[in-house]
Protein backbone atom coordinates (compact mmCIF):
# COMPACT_ATOMS: atom_id res chain seq x y z
CA MET A 1 -80.74 -49.03 -106.81
CA MET A 2 -83.42 -47.55 -104.78
CA PHE A 3 -83.86 -45.50 -102.23
CA ASN A 4 -85.69 -47.21 -99.17
CA PRO A 5 -86.54 -45.08 -96.48
CA LEU A 6 -87.25 -47.58 -94.04
CA LYS A 7 -83.86 -48.97 -94.05
CA ALA A 8 -82.73 -45.62 -94.10
CA LYS A 9 -84.41 -45.28 -90.37
CA ASN A 10 -83.37 -48.11 -89.18
CA ILE A 11 -79.86 -48.34 -90.12
CA ALA A 12 -80.17 -44.39 -88.83
CA VAL A 13 -81.60 -45.91 -85.25
CA MET A 14 -79.34 -48.47 -84.46
CA LEU A 15 -76.55 -46.31 -85.45
CA THR A 16 -77.98 -44.04 -83.02
CA LEU A 17 -78.76 -46.71 -79.95
CA LEU A 18 -74.94 -48.04 -80.79
CA GLY A 19 -73.51 -44.74 -80.40
CA VAL A 20 -75.61 -44.16 -77.12
CA THR A 21 -74.55 -47.21 -76.03
CA LEU A 22 -70.59 -46.97 -76.65
CA GLY A 23 -70.95 -43.29 -75.33
CA LEU A 24 -72.06 -44.86 -72.18
CA ALA A 25 -70.18 -47.78 -71.50
CA PRO A 26 -67.55 -46.16 -70.17
CA VAL A 27 -69.38 -43.87 -67.46
CA THR A 28 -71.14 -47.53 -66.26
CA VAL A 29 -68.03 -49.30 -66.18
CA ALA A 30 -66.48 -46.22 -63.85
CA GLN A 31 -69.31 -46.78 -61.71
CA SER A 32 -69.03 -50.41 -61.34
CA ILE A 33 -65.05 -50.02 -60.15
CA ASP A 34 -64.58 -49.46 -56.63
CA GLN A 35 -63.19 -45.78 -56.54
CA VAL A 36 -62.38 -45.71 -52.73
CA ASP A 37 -58.89 -44.42 -52.55
CA LYS A 38 -56.44 -46.55 -50.64
CA LYS A 39 -54.56 -43.96 -49.08
CA PRO A 40 -56.02 -40.80 -49.29
CA TYR A 41 -53.08 -38.38 -48.52
CA GLN A 42 -50.23 -37.60 -50.47
CA SER A 43 -46.63 -39.54 -49.09
CA ASN A 44 -43.71 -37.02 -49.38
CA GLU A 45 -41.48 -39.39 -47.87
CA LYS A 46 -38.27 -39.79 -48.94
CA ASN A 47 -36.30 -42.87 -47.84
CA PRO A 48 -34.55 -42.11 -44.80
CA ASN A 49 -31.26 -43.80 -46.37
CA GLY A 50 -31.04 -41.61 -48.91
CA ASP A 51 -29.72 -42.91 -52.33
CA MET A 52 -26.48 -44.72 -50.83
CA GLY A 53 -29.19 -47.28 -48.44
CA ASP A 54 -27.35 -47.81 -44.98
CA PHE A 55 -24.09 -47.79 -46.28
CA MET A 56 -23.72 -44.39 -44.83
CA ASN A 57 -26.28 -43.63 -42.52
CA PRO A 58 -24.59 -42.60 -39.31
CA LEU A 59 -27.22 -43.50 -36.89
CA ASN A 60 -26.92 -47.03 -38.41
CA LEU A 61 -22.89 -46.64 -38.26
CA MET A 62 -23.05 -45.96 -34.71
CA HIS A 63 -25.72 -48.72 -33.84
CA ARG A 64 -23.06 -51.33 -35.39
CA ALA A 65 -20.12 -49.85 -33.62
CA ASN A 66 -22.12 -50.31 -30.14
CA LEU A 67 -23.16 -53.67 -31.03
CA GLU A 68 -19.86 -55.10 -31.95
CA ARG A 69 -18.12 -54.28 -28.82
CA SER A 70 -20.78 -55.42 -26.86
CA ARG A 71 -21.10 -58.25 -24.52
CA SER A 72 -23.58 -61.70 -24.78
CA GLY A 73 -25.68 -62.32 -22.07
CA GLY A 74 -23.25 -65.35 -21.11
CA GLU A 75 -20.76 -62.33 -20.46
CA PHE A 76 -23.30 -60.53 -18.64
CA ALA A 77 -24.18 -62.80 -16.59
CA GLU A 78 -20.31 -63.84 -15.58
CA ASP A 79 -18.83 -60.52 -15.11
CA THR A 80 -22.43 -59.87 -13.04
CA ARG A 81 -21.18 -62.57 -10.41
CA ASN A 82 -18.36 -61.96 -10.40
CA ASN A 83 -19.02 -58.56 -9.30
CA LEU A 84 -21.21 -59.64 -6.43
CA ASN A 85 -19.06 -61.99 -5.48
CA GLU A 86 -16.00 -59.87 -5.04
CA ALA A 87 -18.24 -57.05 -3.06
CA ALA A 88 -19.37 -60.08 -1.14
CA LYS A 89 -16.34 -60.39 -0.09
CA SER A 90 -15.09 -56.75 0.37
CA PHE A 91 -17.79 -56.06 2.57
CA LYS A 92 -17.50 -59.46 4.59
CA GLU A 93 -13.46 -57.93 4.68
CA ALA A 94 -14.25 -54.83 6.35
CA GLN A 95 -17.03 -56.35 8.47
CA ARG A 96 -14.06 -58.38 9.66
CA GLN A 97 -11.74 -55.56 10.16
CA MET A 98 -14.83 -53.29 12.29
CA LEU A 99 -15.41 -56.59 14.97
CA GLU A 100 -11.65 -57.17 15.36
CA ALA A 101 -11.31 -52.93 15.93
CA GLN A 102 -14.47 -53.27 18.39
CA GLU A 103 -12.87 -56.01 20.31
CA ALA A 104 -9.59 -54.54 20.63
CA ALA A 105 -10.99 -51.57 21.81
CA ASN A 106 -12.81 -53.34 24.14
CA GLN A 107 -10.01 -55.38 25.51
CA ASN A 108 -8.02 -51.87 25.99
CA GLN A 109 -10.59 -50.55 28.31
CA GLU A 110 -10.98 -53.84 30.41
CA PRO A 111 -8.18 -53.15 33.67
């Protein structure tokens, strides 16, 4: 077997080209991928509910306690109507008493 310098040179060139191509491949792939960071700032926020979740969150407990004893919209409207009716009745009664007192005062002044 004889040493062929032309064949050795071709093999060396092919290996060099292959090495350069493989060496540049990650660079060209990295440039083609979108490198824009979707979240540019680091987030150090913790879960506000902690490790226990919503189970022992004091604000959630107070919120649920307030909601459980609150009235529905219908109950609120009925209470409002009842309060208005009672206020109107008491106003009319006070007005009637003032008119009667005024009439009595006018009758006492006439001889």
